Amino acid sequence: MISSFLAPAVDVSLAVPADGSAPTGIGEGFAGAGLESGVWVHEVGTSTGDFGDEMFVVLSGRGVVTCQNGGRIDLAPGVVGVLHAGDITSWEITETLRKVWIVAAGE
């Protein structure tokens, strides 16, 4: 069986986190086959966090994500990235970022 979803890649609602970091939003779209995925939007600015084990594809936007333990991903349309659980990352976004993310179900 083929499954598909229409994630709100353009229509994700943004919220300013309590810590005052850049507005972000999430649109969850698909769950099945042991995976979950959706669209994440990050406005221009900086934020940090641990996103768990994740693979993502940048749809639009630019910036850099760095890990406190080393490593850097230059973000641009078409870039595929992998993050690992426990990695504290810093996102410095210079052009509003939209990415599709994929994680193991239940993470």
N, C-alpha and C. Protein backbone atom coordinates (compact mmCIF):
# COMPACT_ATOMS: atom_id res chain seq x y z
N MET A 1 0.84 -1.18 0.00
CA MET A 1 0.00 0.00 0.00
C MET A 1 0.88 1.24 0.00
N ILE A 2 0.55 2.18 -0.82
CA ILE A 2 1.28 3.44 -0.88
C ILE A 2 0.56 4.46 -0.01
N SER A 3 1.32 5.12 0.83
CA SER A 3 0.76 6.18 1.68
C SER A 3 1.35 7.50 1.28
N SER A 4 0.58 8.54 1.40
CA SER A 4 1.10 9.88 1.11
C SER A 4 0.50 10.85 2.12
N PHE A 5 1.10 12.01 2.20
CA PHE A 5 0.57 13.04 3.09
C PHE A 5 0.83 14.39 2.48
N LEU A 6 0.01 15.32 2.87
CA LEU A 6 0.20 16.70 2.47
C LEU A 6 0.56 17.48 3.72
N ALA A 7 1.83 17.60 3.97
CA ALA A 7 2.27 18.38 5.12
C ALA A 7 2.12 19.86 4.77
N PRO A 8 1.76 20.66 5.73
CA PRO A 8 1.57 22.08 5.46
C PRO A 8 2.91 22.80 5.29
N ALA A 9 3.60 22.50 4.20
CA ALA A 9 4.94 23.03 3.99
C ALA A 9 4.96 24.54 3.90
N VAL A 10 3.87 25.13 3.49
CA VAL A 10 3.81 26.59 3.36
C VAL A 10 3.03 27.21 4.50
N ASP A 11 2.15 26.46 5.12
CA ASP A 11 1.19 26.98 6.07
C ASP A 11 1.45 26.61 7.52
N VAL A 12 2.68 26.38 7.91
CA VAL A 12 2.98 25.99 9.29
C VAL A 12 2.88 27.21 10.18
N SER A 13 2.14 27.09 11.29
CA SER A 13 2.02 28.18 12.25
C SER A 13 3.30 28.32 13.06
N LEU A 14 3.74 29.54 13.27
CA LEU A 14 4.97 29.80 14.01
C LEU A 14 4.65 30.29 15.41
N ALA A 15 5.51 29.92 16.35
CA ALA A 15 5.37 30.38 17.73
C ALA A 15 6.73 30.83 18.24
N VAL A 16 6.75 31.89 19.03
CA VAL A 16 8.00 32.36 19.63
C VAL A 16 8.20 31.57 20.93
N PRO A 17 9.32 30.83 21.05
CA PRO A 17 9.57 30.08 22.28
C PRO A 17 9.71 31.00 23.49
N ALA A 18 9.43 30.45 24.67
CA ALA A 18 9.50 31.22 25.91
C ALA A 18 10.87 31.82 26.15
N ASP A 19 11.93 31.16 25.62
CA ASP A 19 13.29 31.68 25.85
C ASP A 19 13.64 32.83 24.92
N GLY A 20 12.70 33.21 24.04
CA GLY A 20 12.92 34.35 23.15
C GLY A 20 13.71 34.03 21.90
N SER A 21 14.05 32.75 21.67
CA SER A 21 14.78 32.40 20.46
C SER A 21 13.87 32.55 19.25
N ALA A 22 14.40 32.33 18.07
CA ALA A 22 13.68 32.56 16.83
C ALA A 22 12.39 31.75 16.75
N PRO A 23 11.34 32.33 16.14
CA PRO A 23 10.09 31.60 15.99
C PRO A 23 10.27 30.32 15.16
N THR A 24 9.63 29.25 15.60
CA THR A 24 9.66 27.99 14.88
C THR A 24 8.24 27.43 14.83
N GLY A 25 8.02 26.49 13.93
CA GLY A 25 6.73 25.83 13.83
C GLY A 25 6.91 24.43 13.31
N ILE A 26 5.93 23.57 13.57
CA ILE A 26 6.01 22.19 13.12
C ILE A 26 4.65 21.77 12.57
N GLY A 27 4.69 21.03 11.48
CA GLY A 27 3.49 20.45 10.90
C GLY A 27 3.73 18.96 10.75
N GLU A 28 3.02 18.16 11.53
CA GLU A 28 3.20 16.71 11.45
C GLU A 28 2.33 16.18 10.33
N GLY A 29 2.90 15.22 9.58
CA GLY A 29 2.16 14.79 8.41
C GLY A 29 1.96 13.31 8.25
N PHE A 30 2.94 12.49 8.55
CA PHE A 30 2.86 11.08 8.23
C PHE A 30 3.33 10.23 9.39
N ALA A 31 2.62 9.16 9.66
CA ALA A 31 3.06 8.18 10.64
C ALA A 31 2.69 6.81 10.08
N GLY A 32 3.65 5.93 10.04
CA GLY A 32 3.42 4.58 9.53
C GLY A 32 4.73 3.94 9.18
N ALA A 33 4.73 2.63 9.06
CA ALA A 33 5.93 1.87 8.70
C ALA A 33 7.07 2.13 9.68
N GLY A 34 6.72 2.45 10.94
CA GLY A 34 7.74 2.69 11.95
C GLY A 34 8.39 4.06 11.88
N LEU A 35 7.82 4.97 11.07
CA LEU A 35 8.39 6.30 10.89
C LEU A 35 7.36 7.38 11.17
N GLU A 36 7.86 8.55 11.51
CA GLU A 36 7.03 9.76 11.60
C GLU A 36 7.76 10.85 10.83
N SER A 37 7.01 11.74 10.22
CA SER A 37 7.65 12.84 9.49
C SER A 37 6.75 14.06 9.50
N GLY A 38 7.31 15.16 9.09
CA GLY A 38 6.56 16.41 9.03
C GLY A 38 7.43 17.51 8.47
N VAL A 39 6.97 18.73 8.64
CA VAL A 39 7.68 19.91 8.15
C VAL A 39 7.98 20.80 9.34
N TRP A 40 9.20 21.31 9.40
CA TRP A 40 9.63 22.22 10.46
C TRP A 40 10.05 23.53 9.82
N VAL A 41 9.61 24.64 10.40
CA VAL A 41 9.95 25.97 9.89
C VAL A 41 10.67 26.74 10.99
N HIS A 42 11.74 27.43 10.61
CA HIS A 42 12.53 28.23 11.56
C HIS A 42 12.77 29.59 10.92
N GLU A 43 12.26 30.64 11.55
CA GLU A 43 12.47 32.00 11.05
C GLU A 43 13.94 32.40 11.22
N VAL A 44 14.32 33.52 10.64
CA VAL A 44 15.67 34.04 10.77
C VAL A 44 15.97 34.26 12.26
N GLY A 45 17.13 33.77 12.68
CA GLY A 45 17.53 33.88 14.07
C GLY A 45 18.26 32.63 14.52
N THR A 46 18.43 32.47 15.82
CA THR A 46 19.20 31.37 16.38
C THR A 46 18.38 30.63 17.44
N SER A 47 18.54 29.31 17.47
CA SER A 47 17.94 28.49 18.52
C SER A 47 18.84 27.29 18.77
N THR A 48 18.64 26.64 19.90
CA THR A 48 19.41 25.44 20.23
C THR A 48 18.46 24.35 20.69
N GLY A 49 18.93 23.10 20.59
CA GLY A 49 18.11 22.00 21.08
C GLY A 49 18.70 20.65 20.75
N ASP A 50 18.04 19.61 21.30
CA ASP A 50 18.36 18.21 21.02
C ASP A 50 17.14 17.63 20.34
N PHE A 51 17.27 17.30 19.08
CA PHE A 51 16.12 16.84 18.32
C PHE A 51 16.04 15.32 18.22
N GLY A 52 16.93 14.60 18.88
CA GLY A 52 16.92 13.14 18.80
C GLY A 52 17.48 12.67 17.47
N ASP A 53 17.36 11.37 17.21
CA ASP A 53 17.81 10.82 15.93
C ASP A 53 16.85 11.28 14.84
N GLU A 54 17.39 11.93 13.83
CA GLU A 54 16.55 12.52 12.78
C GLU A 54 17.31 12.61 11.48
N MET A 55 16.59 12.38 10.39
CA MET A 55 17.10 12.69 9.06
C MET A 55 16.20 13.80 8.52
N PHE A 56 16.79 14.77 7.82
CA PHE A 56 15.98 15.85 7.27
C PHE A 56 16.47 16.25 5.89
N VAL A 57 15.57 16.89 5.14
CA VAL A 57 15.88 17.45 3.82
C VAL A 57 15.42 18.90 3.83
N VAL A 58 16.30 19.80 3.49
CA VAL A 58 15.97 21.23 3.45
C VAL A 58 15.16 21.52 2.18
N LEU A 59 13.97 22.09 2.36
CA LEU A 59 13.14 22.48 1.22
C LEU A 59 13.50 23.87 0.73
N SER A 60 13.71 24.79 1.69
CA SER A 60 14.06 26.17 1.34
C SER A 60 14.74 26.82 2.52
N GLY A 61 15.45 27.90 2.23
CA GLY A 61 16.12 28.65 3.28
C GLY A 61 17.60 28.36 3.36
N ARG A 62 18.25 29.09 4.26
CA ARG A 62 19.71 28.96 4.42
C ARG A 62 20.10 29.19 5.87
N GLY A 63 21.25 28.63 6.21
CA GLY A 63 21.80 28.81 7.54
C GLY A 63 22.84 27.73 7.81
N VAL A 64 23.17 27.57 9.09
CA VAL A 64 24.16 26.60 9.52
C VAL A 64 23.66 25.94 10.80
N VAL A 65 23.82 24.63 10.89
CA VAL A 65 23.56 23.94 12.14
C VAL A 65 24.89 23.36 12.60
N THR A 66 25.24 23.62 13.86
CA THR A 66 26.48 23.10 14.43
C THR A 66 26.15 22.29 15.68
N CYS A 67 27.01 21.34 15.98
CA CYS A 67 26.83 20.49 17.15
C CYS A 67 27.87 20.86 18.19
N GLN A 68 27.48 20.83 19.46
CA GLN A 68 28.42 21.18 20.53
C GLN A 68 29.62 20.24 20.54
N ASN A 69 29.48 19.02 20.03
CA ASN A 69 30.58 18.06 19.99
C ASN A 69 31.38 18.14 18.69
N GLY A 70 31.11 19.15 17.88
CA GLY A 70 31.79 19.29 16.59
C GLY A 70 30.83 18.91 15.48
N GLY A 71 31.17 19.27 14.29
CA GLY A 71 30.32 18.99 13.14
C GLY A 71 29.51 20.21 12.75
N ARG A 72 29.27 20.31 11.46
CA ARG A 72 28.57 21.47 10.90
C ARG A 72 27.86 21.01 9.64
N ILE A 73 26.64 21.52 9.46
CA ILE A 73 25.91 21.29 8.22
C ILE A 73 25.53 22.66 7.68
N ASP A 74 25.99 22.98 6.47
CA ASP A 74 25.58 24.21 5.80
C ASP A 74 24.22 23.94 5.18
N LEU A 75 23.22 24.67 5.61
CA LEU A 75 21.84 24.43 5.19
C LEU A 75 21.50 25.24 3.95
N ALA A 76 20.95 24.54 2.95
CA ALA A 76 20.50 25.15 1.70
C ALA A 76 19.52 24.17 1.06
N PRO A 77 18.68 24.64 0.15
CA PRO A 77 17.72 23.74 -0.48
C PRO A 77 18.39 22.49 -1.05
N GLY A 78 17.79 21.33 -0.74
CA GLY A 78 18.29 20.05 -1.23
C GLY A 78 19.27 19.36 -0.31
N VAL A 79 19.78 20.04 0.71
CA VAL A 79 20.74 19.43 1.63
C VAL A 79 20.02 18.39 2.50
N VAL A 80 20.64 17.22 2.64
CA VAL A 80 20.15 16.16 3.51
C VAL A 80 21.07 16.11 4.73
N GLY A 81 20.49 16.11 5.92
CA GLY A 81 21.28 16.07 7.14
C GLY A 81 20.82 14.97 8.07
N VAL A 82 21.70 14.57 8.96
CA VAL A 82 21.39 13.56 9.97
C VAL A 82 21.82 14.10 11.33
N LEU A 83 20.92 14.05 12.30
CA LEU A 83 21.22 14.44 13.67
C LEU A 83 21.11 13.21 14.56
N HIS A 84 21.85 13.19 15.64
CA HIS A 84 21.85 12.05 16.55
C HIS A 84 21.32 12.46 17.92
N ALA A 85 20.59 11.55 18.56
CA ALA A 85 20.06 11.80 19.90
C ALA A 85 21.20 12.19 20.83
N GLY A 86 20.95 13.19 21.66
CA GLY A 86 21.95 13.64 22.62
C GLY A 86 22.84 14.75 22.09
N ASP A 87 22.83 14.98 20.78
CA ASP A 87 23.61 16.08 20.21
C ASP A 87 22.87 17.39 20.45
N ILE A 88 23.50 18.31 21.17
CA ILE A 88 22.92 19.64 21.34
C ILE A 88 23.36 20.47 20.14
N THR A 89 22.39 20.94 19.38
CA THR A 89 22.69 21.66 18.15
C THR A 89 22.31 23.13 18.27
N SER A 90 23.02 23.96 17.53
CA SER A 90 22.73 25.38 17.42
C SER A 90 22.36 25.66 15.96
N TRP A 91 21.21 26.26 15.77
CA TRP A 91 20.70 26.59 14.43
C TRP A 91 20.82 28.08 14.23
N GLU A 92 21.65 28.50 13.29
CA GLU A 92 21.80 29.92 12.94
C GLU A 92 21.21 30.09 11.55
N ILE A 93 20.00 30.60 11.50
CA ILE A 93 19.25 30.68 10.24
C ILE A 93 19.30 32.10 9.69
N THR A 94 19.75 32.21 8.43
CA THR A 94 19.89 33.51 7.78
C THR A 94 18.78 33.78 6.78
N GLU A 95 18.04 32.75 6.39
CA GLU A 95 16.89 32.86 5.48
C GLU A 95 15.88 31.81 5.94
N THR A 96 14.63 32.20 6.17
CA THR A 96 13.64 31.29 6.75
C THR A 96 13.78 29.87 6.19
N LEU A 97 13.95 28.93 7.12
CA LEU A 97 14.22 27.53 6.78
C LEU A 97 12.95 26.70 6.84
N ARG A 98 12.76 25.84 5.85
CA ARG A 98 11.70 24.83 5.85
C ARG A 98 12.38 23.50 5.54
N LYS A 99 12.15 22.52 6.42
CA LYS A 99 12.74 21.21 6.20
C LYS A 99 11.70 20.13 6.45
N VAL A 100 11.83 19.02 5.74
CA VAL A 100 11.05 17.82 6.01
C VAL A 100 11.91 16.97 6.91
N TRP A 101 11.34 16.49 8.03
CA TRP A 101 12.07 15.66 8.98
C TRP A 101 11.46 14.27 9.04
N ILE A 102 12.31 13.28 9.32
CA ILE A 102 11.88 11.89 9.43
C ILE A 102 12.56 11.30 10.67
N VAL A 103 11.76 10.68 11.53
CA VAL A 103 12.28 10.05 12.75
C VAL A 103 11.63 8.68 12.90
N ALA A 104 12.23 7.84 13.75
CA ALA A 104 11.62 6.58 14.10
C ALA A 104 10.37 6.87 14.93
N ALA A 105 9.30 6.14 14.71
CA ALA A 105 8.06 6.35 15.45
C ALA A 105 8.30 6.24 16.95
N GLY A 106 7.67 7.14 17.69
CA GLY A 106 7.78 7.11 19.15
C GLY A 106 8.94 7.88 19.72
N GLU A 107 9.75 8.53 18.89
CA GLU A 107 10.88 9.31 19.42
C GLU A 107 10.45 10.69 19.81
